[in-house]
N, C-alpha and C. Protein backbone atom coordinates (compact mmCIF):
# COMPACT_ATOMS: atom_id res chain seq x y z
N MET A 1 -10.32 49.42 65.87
CA MET A 1 -11.77 49.49 65.87
C MET A 1 -12.33 48.43 64.92
N ALA A 2 -13.35 47.71 65.36
CA ALA A 2 -13.97 46.67 64.55
C ALA A 2 -14.76 47.29 63.42
N LYS A 3 -14.73 46.63 62.29
CA LYS A 3 -15.48 47.11 61.12
C LYS A 3 -16.65 46.18 60.86
N ASN A 4 -17.72 46.76 60.40
CA ASN A 4 -18.89 46.00 60.02
C ASN A 4 -18.56 45.19 58.76
N PHE A 5 -18.90 43.90 58.76
CA PHE A 5 -18.58 43.05 57.61
C PHE A 5 -19.24 43.57 56.33
N ARG A 6 -20.43 44.08 56.44
CA ARG A 6 -21.12 44.61 55.25
C ARG A 6 -20.34 45.76 54.64
N GLU A 7 -19.78 46.61 55.48
CA GLU A 7 -18.98 47.73 54.98
C GLU A 7 -17.73 47.21 54.26
N LEU A 8 -17.06 46.24 54.88
CA LEU A 8 -15.87 45.68 54.25
C LEU A 8 -16.22 45.00 52.93
N ARG A 9 -17.30 44.26 52.91
CA ARG A 9 -17.71 43.57 51.69
C ARG A 9 -18.06 44.56 50.59
N ALA A 10 -18.72 45.64 50.95
CA ALA A 10 -19.12 46.64 49.96
C ALA A 10 -17.90 47.27 49.28
N ARG A 11 -16.77 47.31 49.98
CA ARG A 11 -15.56 47.89 49.40
C ARG A 11 -14.76 46.88 48.58
N MET A 12 -15.16 45.61 48.62
CA MET A 12 -14.46 44.59 47.84
C MET A 12 -14.82 44.75 46.36
N SER A 13 -13.90 44.36 45.50
CA SER A 13 -14.19 44.37 44.06
C SER A 13 -15.25 43.32 43.77
N PRO A 14 -15.98 43.47 42.66
CA PRO A 14 -16.97 42.45 42.30
C PRO A 14 -16.34 41.06 42.17
N LYS A 15 -15.13 41.00 41.65
CA LYS A 15 -14.45 39.71 41.50
C LYS A 15 -14.16 39.10 42.87
N ALA A 16 -13.70 39.91 43.82
CA ALA A 16 -13.43 39.43 45.17
C ALA A 16 -14.73 39.02 45.87
N GLN A 17 -15.81 39.74 45.62
CA GLN A 17 -17.10 39.38 46.21
C GLN A 17 -17.57 38.02 45.69
N GLN A 18 -17.39 37.78 44.39
CA GLN A 18 -17.78 36.51 43.80
C GLN A 18 -16.94 35.37 44.38
N ALA A 19 -15.64 35.60 44.52
CA ALA A 19 -14.76 34.57 45.10
C ALA A 19 -15.16 34.28 46.54
N SER A 20 -15.49 35.32 47.28
CA SER A 20 -15.92 35.15 48.66
C SER A 20 -17.23 34.36 48.73
N ALA A 21 -18.16 34.66 47.84
CA ALA A 21 -19.44 33.95 47.81
C ALA A 21 -19.24 32.47 47.46
N ARG A 22 -18.34 32.18 46.51
CA ARG A 22 -18.06 30.78 46.15
C ARG A 22 -17.45 30.03 47.33
N GLU A 23 -16.51 30.67 48.02
CA GLU A 23 -15.87 30.02 49.17
C GLU A 23 -16.89 29.78 50.29
N HIS A 24 -17.76 30.75 50.51
CA HIS A 24 -18.81 30.59 51.52
C HIS A 24 -19.70 29.40 51.17
N ALA A 25 -20.12 29.31 49.91
CA ALA A 25 -20.98 28.21 49.47
C ALA A 25 -20.27 26.87 49.65
N ARG A 26 -18.98 26.81 49.35
CA ARG A 26 -18.22 25.57 49.52
C ARG A 26 -18.17 25.18 51.00
N LEU A 27 -17.91 26.15 51.86
CA LEU A 27 -17.82 25.87 53.29
C LEU A 27 -19.15 25.39 53.85
N VAL A 28 -20.24 25.90 53.32
CA VAL A 28 -21.57 25.47 53.78
C VAL A 28 -21.86 24.05 53.31
N ARG A 29 -21.36 23.67 52.13
CA ARG A 29 -21.60 22.32 51.61
C ARG A 29 -20.70 21.28 52.25
N GLU A 30 -19.57 21.68 52.80
CA GLU A 30 -18.60 20.75 53.35
C GLU A 30 -18.22 21.18 54.77
N MET A 31 -18.57 20.39 55.75
CA MET A 31 -18.16 20.72 57.11
C MET A 31 -18.17 19.48 57.98
N PRO A 32 -17.31 19.46 58.99
CA PRO A 32 -17.32 18.33 59.92
C PRO A 32 -18.57 18.35 60.80
N LEU A 33 -18.86 17.21 61.42
CA LEU A 33 -20.09 17.07 62.21
C LEU A 33 -20.25 18.13 63.29
N GLY A 34 -19.18 18.42 64.03
CA GLY A 34 -19.27 19.40 65.11
C GLY A 34 -19.67 20.78 64.61
N LYS A 35 -19.12 21.18 63.48
CA LYS A 35 -19.47 22.48 62.92
C LYS A 35 -20.89 22.47 62.37
N LEU A 36 -21.29 21.34 61.79
CA LEU A 36 -22.67 21.21 61.30
C LEU A 36 -23.65 21.35 62.46
N ARG A 37 -23.35 20.67 63.56
CA ARG A 37 -24.21 20.76 64.75
C ARG A 37 -24.30 22.20 65.24
N ALA A 38 -23.16 22.87 65.30
CA ALA A 38 -23.14 24.26 65.76
C ALA A 38 -23.91 25.17 64.79
N ALA A 39 -23.76 24.91 63.49
CA ALA A 39 -24.49 25.70 62.50
C ALA A 39 -25.99 25.50 62.63
N ARG A 40 -26.40 24.32 63.10
CA ARG A 40 -27.82 24.04 63.34
C ARG A 40 -28.27 24.58 64.70
N GLU A 41 -27.35 25.29 65.37
CA GLU A 41 -27.60 25.91 66.68
C GLU A 41 -28.02 24.90 67.73
N MET A 42 -27.28 23.78 67.74
CA MET A 42 -27.51 22.74 68.74
C MET A 42 -26.23 22.54 69.53
N THR A 43 -26.37 22.24 70.81
CA THR A 43 -25.22 21.91 71.63
C THR A 43 -25.06 20.40 71.67
N GLN A 44 -23.90 19.96 72.12
CA GLN A 44 -23.71 18.52 72.30
C GLN A 44 -24.70 17.98 73.31
N GLU A 45 -25.00 18.77 74.34
CA GLU A 45 -25.97 18.34 75.35
C GLU A 45 -27.36 18.14 74.76
N ASN A 46 -27.79 19.08 73.89
CA ASN A 46 -29.11 18.95 73.23
C ASN A 46 -29.18 17.67 72.43
N LEU A 47 -28.16 17.45 71.62
CA LEU A 47 -28.13 16.27 70.76
C LEU A 47 -28.08 14.99 71.58
N ALA A 48 -27.30 15.00 72.66
CA ALA A 48 -27.21 13.82 73.54
C ALA A 48 -28.58 13.49 74.14
N ARG A 49 -29.31 14.51 74.53
CA ARG A 49 -30.64 14.29 75.12
C ARG A 49 -31.58 13.64 74.09
N ILE A 50 -31.53 14.12 72.86
CA ILE A 50 -32.38 13.57 71.80
C ILE A 50 -32.02 12.11 71.52
N LEU A 51 -30.72 11.81 71.51
CA LEU A 51 -30.25 10.46 71.18
C LEU A 51 -30.18 9.53 72.38
N HIS A 52 -30.50 10.05 73.56
CA HIS A 52 -30.48 9.26 74.80
C HIS A 52 -29.09 8.68 75.08
N VAL A 53 -28.08 9.55 74.93
CA VAL A 53 -26.70 9.18 75.25
C VAL A 53 -26.09 10.30 76.08
N ASN A 54 -24.87 10.07 76.58
CA ASN A 54 -24.16 11.11 77.32
C ASN A 54 -23.54 12.11 76.35
N GLN A 55 -23.31 13.31 76.83
CA GLN A 55 -22.66 14.35 76.02
C GLN A 55 -21.31 13.88 75.54
N SER A 56 -20.60 13.11 76.35
CA SER A 56 -19.27 12.63 75.96
C SER A 56 -19.34 11.72 74.72
N GLU A 57 -20.45 11.01 74.56
CA GLU A 57 -20.62 10.16 73.37
C GLU A 57 -20.75 11.01 72.12
N ILE A 58 -21.43 12.14 72.21
CA ILE A 58 -21.54 13.05 71.07
C ILE A 58 -20.16 13.59 70.71
N SER A 59 -19.39 13.94 71.72
CA SER A 59 -18.02 14.41 71.48
C SER A 59 -17.19 13.35 70.75
N LYS A 60 -17.32 12.11 71.18
CA LYS A 60 -16.59 11.01 70.53
C LYS A 60 -17.02 10.84 69.08
N ILE A 61 -18.32 10.88 68.83
CA ILE A 61 -18.83 10.76 67.46
C ILE A 61 -18.24 11.85 66.58
N GLU A 62 -18.21 13.07 67.10
CA GLU A 62 -17.73 14.20 66.30
C GLU A 62 -16.23 14.12 66.01
N ARG A 63 -15.49 13.37 66.79
CA ARG A 63 -14.04 13.23 66.58
C ARG A 63 -13.69 12.02 65.72
N ARG A 64 -14.62 11.10 65.56
CA ARG A 64 -14.33 9.86 64.81
C ARG A 64 -14.20 10.13 63.32
N ALA A 65 -13.26 9.41 62.71
CA ALA A 65 -13.14 9.43 61.26
C ALA A 65 -13.86 8.24 60.64
N ASP A 66 -14.19 7.25 61.47
CA ASP A 66 -14.83 6.03 60.99
C ASP A 66 -15.93 5.65 61.98
N MET A 67 -17.14 5.38 61.46
CA MET A 67 -18.25 5.01 62.33
C MET A 67 -19.27 4.22 61.55
N TYR A 68 -20.19 3.60 62.24
CA TYR A 68 -21.28 2.88 61.59
C TYR A 68 -22.18 3.88 60.85
N VAL A 69 -22.72 3.43 59.74
CA VAL A 69 -23.67 4.25 58.99
C VAL A 69 -24.88 4.56 59.86
N SER A 70 -25.33 3.59 60.65
CA SER A 70 -26.50 3.81 61.51
C SER A 70 -26.23 4.90 62.56
N THR A 71 -25.01 4.96 63.07
CA THR A 71 -24.66 6.01 64.05
C THR A 71 -24.74 7.37 63.39
N LEU A 72 -24.14 7.49 62.21
CA LEU A 72 -24.16 8.76 61.49
C LEU A 72 -25.58 9.14 61.10
N ALA A 73 -26.37 8.18 60.65
CA ALA A 73 -27.76 8.46 60.28
C ALA A 73 -28.55 8.97 61.48
N SER A 74 -28.38 8.34 62.64
CA SER A 74 -29.08 8.78 63.86
C SER A 74 -28.67 10.20 64.24
N TYR A 75 -27.39 10.48 64.16
CA TYR A 75 -26.86 11.81 64.49
C TYR A 75 -27.50 12.87 63.59
N ILE A 76 -27.51 12.61 62.29
CA ILE A 76 -28.08 13.56 61.33
C ILE A 76 -29.58 13.72 61.54
N GLU A 77 -30.28 12.62 61.74
CA GLU A 77 -31.73 12.67 61.95
C GLU A 77 -32.08 13.41 63.23
N ALA A 78 -31.25 13.32 64.27
CA ALA A 78 -31.50 14.04 65.52
C ALA A 78 -31.42 15.54 65.31
N MET A 79 -30.73 15.97 64.26
CA MET A 79 -30.65 17.39 63.94
C MET A 79 -31.74 17.81 62.96
N GLY A 80 -32.59 16.86 62.56
CA GLY A 80 -33.68 17.17 61.65
C GLY A 80 -33.37 16.90 60.19
N GLY A 81 -32.25 16.25 59.92
CA GLY A 81 -31.86 15.97 58.54
C GLY A 81 -32.05 14.51 58.18
N ALA A 82 -31.61 14.17 56.99
CA ALA A 82 -31.65 12.78 56.51
C ALA A 82 -30.30 12.50 55.85
N LEU A 83 -29.73 11.37 56.16
CA LEU A 83 -28.45 10.99 55.59
C LEU A 83 -28.66 10.35 54.23
N GLU A 84 -27.92 10.84 53.23
CA GLU A 84 -27.91 10.23 51.91
C GLU A 84 -26.47 9.88 51.59
N ILE A 85 -26.25 8.70 51.06
CA ILE A 85 -24.91 8.27 50.69
C ILE A 85 -24.87 8.15 49.17
N ARG A 86 -23.86 8.79 48.58
CA ARG A 86 -23.72 8.79 47.13
C ARG A 86 -22.33 8.32 46.74
N ALA A 87 -22.26 7.69 45.60
CA ALA A 87 -20.98 7.36 44.97
C ALA A 87 -20.87 8.27 43.75
N VAL A 88 -19.72 8.88 43.55
CA VAL A 88 -19.54 9.81 42.44
C VAL A 88 -18.51 9.24 41.48
N PHE A 89 -18.93 9.10 40.21
CA PHE A 89 -18.07 8.55 39.17
C PHE A 89 -17.85 9.60 38.08
N PRO A 90 -16.64 9.65 37.52
CA PRO A 90 -16.38 10.67 36.50
C PRO A 90 -17.24 10.51 35.25
N ASP A 91 -17.61 9.28 34.90
CA ASP A 91 -18.36 9.08 33.66
C ASP A 91 -19.87 9.16 33.82
N VAL A 92 -20.41 8.88 35.00
CA VAL A 92 -21.87 8.90 35.17
C VAL A 92 -22.35 9.91 36.21
N GLY A 93 -21.45 10.49 36.96
CA GLY A 93 -21.85 11.43 38.00
C GLY A 93 -22.20 10.73 39.30
N ALA A 94 -23.16 11.29 40.02
CA ALA A 94 -23.52 10.78 41.34
C ALA A 94 -24.59 9.71 41.26
N VAL A 95 -24.41 8.66 42.04
CA VAL A 95 -25.38 7.57 42.16
C VAL A 95 -25.73 7.45 43.64
N LYS A 96 -27.01 7.60 43.97
CA LYS A 96 -27.45 7.46 45.35
C LYS A 96 -27.45 5.99 45.74
N ILE A 97 -26.82 5.67 46.86
CA ILE A 97 -26.79 4.30 47.37
C ILE A 97 -27.99 4.16 48.30
N ASN A 98 -28.97 3.33 47.92
CA ASN A 98 -30.21 3.24 48.70
C ASN A 98 -30.24 2.04 49.64
N GLN A 99 -29.16 1.30 49.71
CA GLN A 99 -29.08 0.10 50.55
C GLN A 99 -29.31 0.41 52.03
N PHE A 100 -28.99 1.62 52.46
CA PHE A 100 -29.04 1.98 53.88
C PHE A 100 -30.36 2.62 54.28
N GLU A 101 -31.27 2.79 53.36
CA GLU A 101 -32.52 3.48 53.67
C GLU A 101 -33.39 2.70 54.64
N GLU A 102 -33.22 1.39 54.73
CA GLU A 102 -34.03 0.60 55.66
C GLU A 102 -33.59 0.84 57.11
N LEU A 103 -32.47 1.54 57.34
CA LEU A 103 -32.05 1.87 58.70
C LEU A 103 -33.01 2.85 59.36
N ARG A 104 -33.71 3.62 58.56
CA ARG A 104 -34.60 4.66 59.10
C ARG A 104 -35.75 4.07 59.81
């Protein structure tokens, strides 16, 4: 018999609940493009229509490990977001790279 997640969570120790919440937050901050699209409740077909490409092109984009910044920016903007590129250094932290902002 399936159990309600809320019931299962309520029976978890506070420490386990905190660990679960941290893992959830990490997963929300880090995800591949296909999962991000799905989390935004968009299909490949929806995104393809917005970008004026075929659905197969969206599939290819989601499988690529390397692509143009402009392609990634268009993909993110079609979902209602904005692409920001940062460099992270141990001594100064994050630095936003603004060189690509003229692509918008």
